[in-house]
Amino acid sequence: MPILDDVEAFIVNNVPEVAGYGIQKSYKSNSPDRQIVIYETLGDLPPETTMDVDYPSFQVQIRGQKFDYPATRTVAFAIYRALQTTSLVDLDVSPPSYYVYCYATQSGLMHIGNDQNERPEFVLNYRTMRTIAVVTSNLKVLLKADGTVFTTADGRVLVRSA
């Protein structure tokens, strides 16, 4: 599943404060006022091209209603805390993916000011590392750096082709 879909699902399922906000991927429209937009950004290069991992990164922009900085900040902070303190690994995606890490590239919220309609805007930037398991008839278990296996929330072992 593309990272934008993973992040959207995570936010919707784990951040109740986003109720009433429109969520879009890669496009910010002029309405509704209260809007969250998730963008793919340039990820890091993998250390080896033969590894079944990638390093996608993303940005979350949060826009609130006109002059409503406090409520918009509350929503932005809720998203920031959820992505910083929990993991994307519980997502049921196909092919199976496991997010080894997800962390903000800044320490806290970044208020970028108000747009032309006086709506406050915040931006959050994240880096991730994701393993990608390809299920075939010739399988190999994916191992973390510490030697333990990658598993999903329900205990399924993630594998890749040998």
Protein backbone atom coordinates (compact mmCIF):
# COMPACT_ATOMS: atom_id res chain seq x y z
CA MET A 1 0.00 0.00 0.00
CA PRO A 2 1.37 3.47 -0.80
CA ILE A 3 2.61 5.43 2.18
CA LEU A 4 -0.07 8.11 1.75
CA ASP A 5 -2.78 5.49 2.22
CA ASP A 6 -0.96 4.00 5.23
CA VAL A 7 -0.60 7.41 6.90
CA GLU A 8 -4.19 8.39 6.18
CA ALA A 9 -5.49 5.13 7.66
CA PHE A 10 -3.29 5.55 10.71
CA ILE A 11 -4.45 9.14 11.35
CA VAL A 12 -8.14 8.32 10.85
CA ASN A 13 -7.95 5.29 13.16
CA ASN A 14 -5.72 6.75 15.88
CA VAL A 15 -6.37 10.50 16.12
CA PRO A 16 -9.98 11.22 17.13
CA GLU A 17 -9.28 14.96 17.08
CA VAL A 18 -9.36 14.92 13.26
CA ALA A 19 -13.13 14.37 13.19
CA GLY A 20 -14.63 17.08 11.02
CA TYR A 21 -11.46 17.57 8.97
CA GLY A 22 -11.24 16.65 5.32
CA ILE A 23 -8.21 14.47 4.52
CA GLN A 24 -6.62 14.65 1.10
CA LYS A 25 -3.53 13.15 -0.45
CA SER A 26 -1.09 15.25 -2.50
CA TYR A 27 -3.54 18.06 -3.22
CA LYS A 28 -4.75 20.97 -1.11
CA SER A 29 -8.01 22.54 -2.21
CA ASN A 30 -9.43 25.87 -1.10
CA SER A 31 -12.26 24.16 0.80
CA PRO A 32 -13.12 22.86 3.27
CA ASP A 33 -11.36 25.21 5.67
CA ARG A 34 -10.47 22.42 8.09
CA GLN A 35 -8.24 20.19 6.04
CA ILE A 36 -5.37 17.73 6.43
CA VAL A 37 -3.19 17.03 3.41
CA ILE A 38 -0.58 14.27 3.25
CA TYR A 39 2.27 14.61 0.75
CA GLU A 40 5.02 12.19 -0.25
CA THR A 41 8.42 13.83 0.06
CA LEU A 42 11.90 12.81 -1.01
CA GLY A 43 12.94 9.75 0.98
CA ASP A 44 16.44 8.64 1.94
CA LEU A 45 18.51 6.34 -0.25
CA PRO A 46 18.72 2.77 1.01
CA PRO A 47 22.16 1.60 2.15
CA GLU A 48 21.96 -1.44 -0.16
CA THR A 49 19.84 -1.84 -3.26
CA THR A 50 19.40 -5.56 -2.61
CA MET A 51 17.51 -5.06 0.65
CA ASP A 52 13.74 -5.32 0.74
CA VAL A 53 13.41 -1.96 2.46
CA ASP A 54 12.64 1.57 1.44
CA TYR A 55 12.81 4.90 3.22
CA PRO A 56 9.72 6.86 2.31
CA SER A 57 9.12 10.22 3.90
CA PHE A 58 6.00 12.32 4.09
CA GLN A 59 4.59 15.64 5.17
CA VAL A 60 1.31 16.34 6.93
CA GLN A 61 -0.21 19.80 6.54
CA ILE A 62 -3.04 20.86 8.83
CA ARG A 63 -5.23 23.88 8.09
CA GLY A 64 -7.95 25.18 10.39
CA GLN A 65 -10.82 27.60 10.25
CA LYS A 66 -10.27 31.34 9.93
CA PHE A 67 -8.47 32.76 12.99
CA ASP A 68 -8.82 29.44 14.88
CA TYR A 69 -5.17 28.93 15.86
CA PRO A 70 -5.89 27.15 19.21
CA ALA A 71 -8.11 24.41 17.74
CA THR A 72 -5.84 23.91 14.74
CA ARG A 73 -2.80 23.62 17.01
CA THR A 74 -4.64 21.02 19.13
CA VAL A 75 -5.30 18.86 16.06
CA ALA A 76 -1.75 19.30 14.75
CA PHE A 77 -0.31 18.33 18.13
CA ALA A 78 -2.57 15.26 18.36
CA ILE A 79 -1.30 14.06 14.96
CA TYR A 80 2.30 14.81 15.95
CA ARG A 81 2.01 12.87 19.22
CA ALA A 82 0.26 9.91 17.60
CA LEU A 83 2.90 9.53 14.89
CA GLN A 84 5.76 10.05 17.37
CA THR A 85 4.56 7.72 20.12
CA THR A 86 2.95 4.85 18.24
CA SER A 87 3.82 2.83 15.19
CA LEU A 88 2.38 2.34 11.75
CA VAL A 89 3.05 -1.41 12.05
CA ASP A 90 -0.53 -2.28 12.97
CA LEU A 91 -1.83 -1.47 9.52
CA ASP A 92 -3.19 -4.36 7.46
CA VAL A 93 -1.60 -3.66 4.10
CA SER A 94 -1.01 -5.73 0.98
CA PRO A 95 1.70 -6.58 0.19
CA PRO A 96 2.59 -6.74 3.86
CA SER A 97 4.74 -3.82 5.05
CA TYR A 98 6.38 -3.20 8.37
CA TYR A 99 7.40 0.27 9.42
CA VAL A 100 10.60 -0.16 11.39
CA TYR A 101 10.47 3.49 12.42
CA CYS A 102 8.55 6.68 11.86
CA TYR A 103 9.87 9.90 13.36
CA ALA A 104 9.42 13.63 12.93
CA THR A 105 12.28 15.57 11.40
CA GLN A 106 11.55 18.50 13.69
CA SER A 107 11.02 18.57 17.45
CA GLY A 108 7.46 19.78 17.75
CA LEU A 109 4.96 21.64 15.65
CA MET A 110 5.87 24.04 12.87
CA HIS A 111 3.34 26.83 12.41
CA ILE A 112 3.88 28.23 8.93
CA GLY A 113 1.50 31.16 9.39
CA ASN A 114 -1.93 31.84 7.99
CA ASP A 115 -2.94 31.38 4.38
CA GLN A 116 -4.46 34.17 2.26
CA ASN A 117 -7.83 33.55 3.94
CA GLU A 118 -6.42 33.90 7.49
CA ARG A 119 -6.60 30.15 8.17
CA PRO A 120 -3.77 28.88 10.41
CA GLU A 121 -1.52 26.22 8.92
CA PHE A 122 0.87 23.75 10.53
CA VAL A 123 3.26 21.34 8.87
CA LEU A 124 4.82 18.10 10.16
CA ASN A 125 7.60 16.20 8.36
CA TYR A 126 8.41 12.52 8.90
CA ARG A 127 10.95 9.92 7.86
CA THR A 128 10.23 6.20 7.86
CA MET A 129 11.89 2.90 7.15
CA ARG A 130 9.66 0.21 5.74
CA THR A 131 10.37 -3.42 4.97
CA ILE A 132 8.50 -4.90 2.07
CA ALA A 133 7.61 -8.58 2.12
CA VAL A 134 6.84 -10.33 -1.15
CA VAL A 135 4.98 -13.58 -0.60
CA THR A 136 5.98 -16.31 -3.06
CA SER A 137 6.49 -20.07 -2.96
CA ASN A 138 10.18 -19.59 -2.09
CA LEU A 139 10.13 -17.63 1.18
CA LYS A 140 12.68 -16.18 3.55
CA VAL A 141 11.84 -14.71 6.97
CA LEU A 142 12.68 -11.01 7.34
CA LEU A 143 14.89 -10.30 10.33
CA LYS A 144 15.38 -7.06 12.22
CA ALA A 145 18.89 -5.86 13.00
CA ASP A 146 18.68 -7.49 16.45
CA GLY A 147 17.93 -10.89 14.86
CA THR A 148 14.24 -11.09 15.77
CA VAL A 149 11.61 -11.65 13.11
CA PHE A 150 9.31 -8.98 11.77
CA THR A 151 5.72 -9.71 12.69
CA THR A 152 2.38 -8.00 12.24
CA ALA A 153 0.16 -6.96 15.15
CA ASP A 154 -1.66 -10.28 15.00
CA GLY A 155 1.59 -12.28 15.10
CA ARG A 156 1.99 -13.15 11.40
CA VAL A 157 5.63 -13.47 10.40
CA LEU A 158 6.67 -11.27 7.48
CA VAL A 159 8.64 -12.94 4.74
CA ARG A 160 10.37 -12.05 1.49
CA SER A 161 11.34 -14.02 -1.56
CA ALA A 162 14.63 -15.89 -1.23
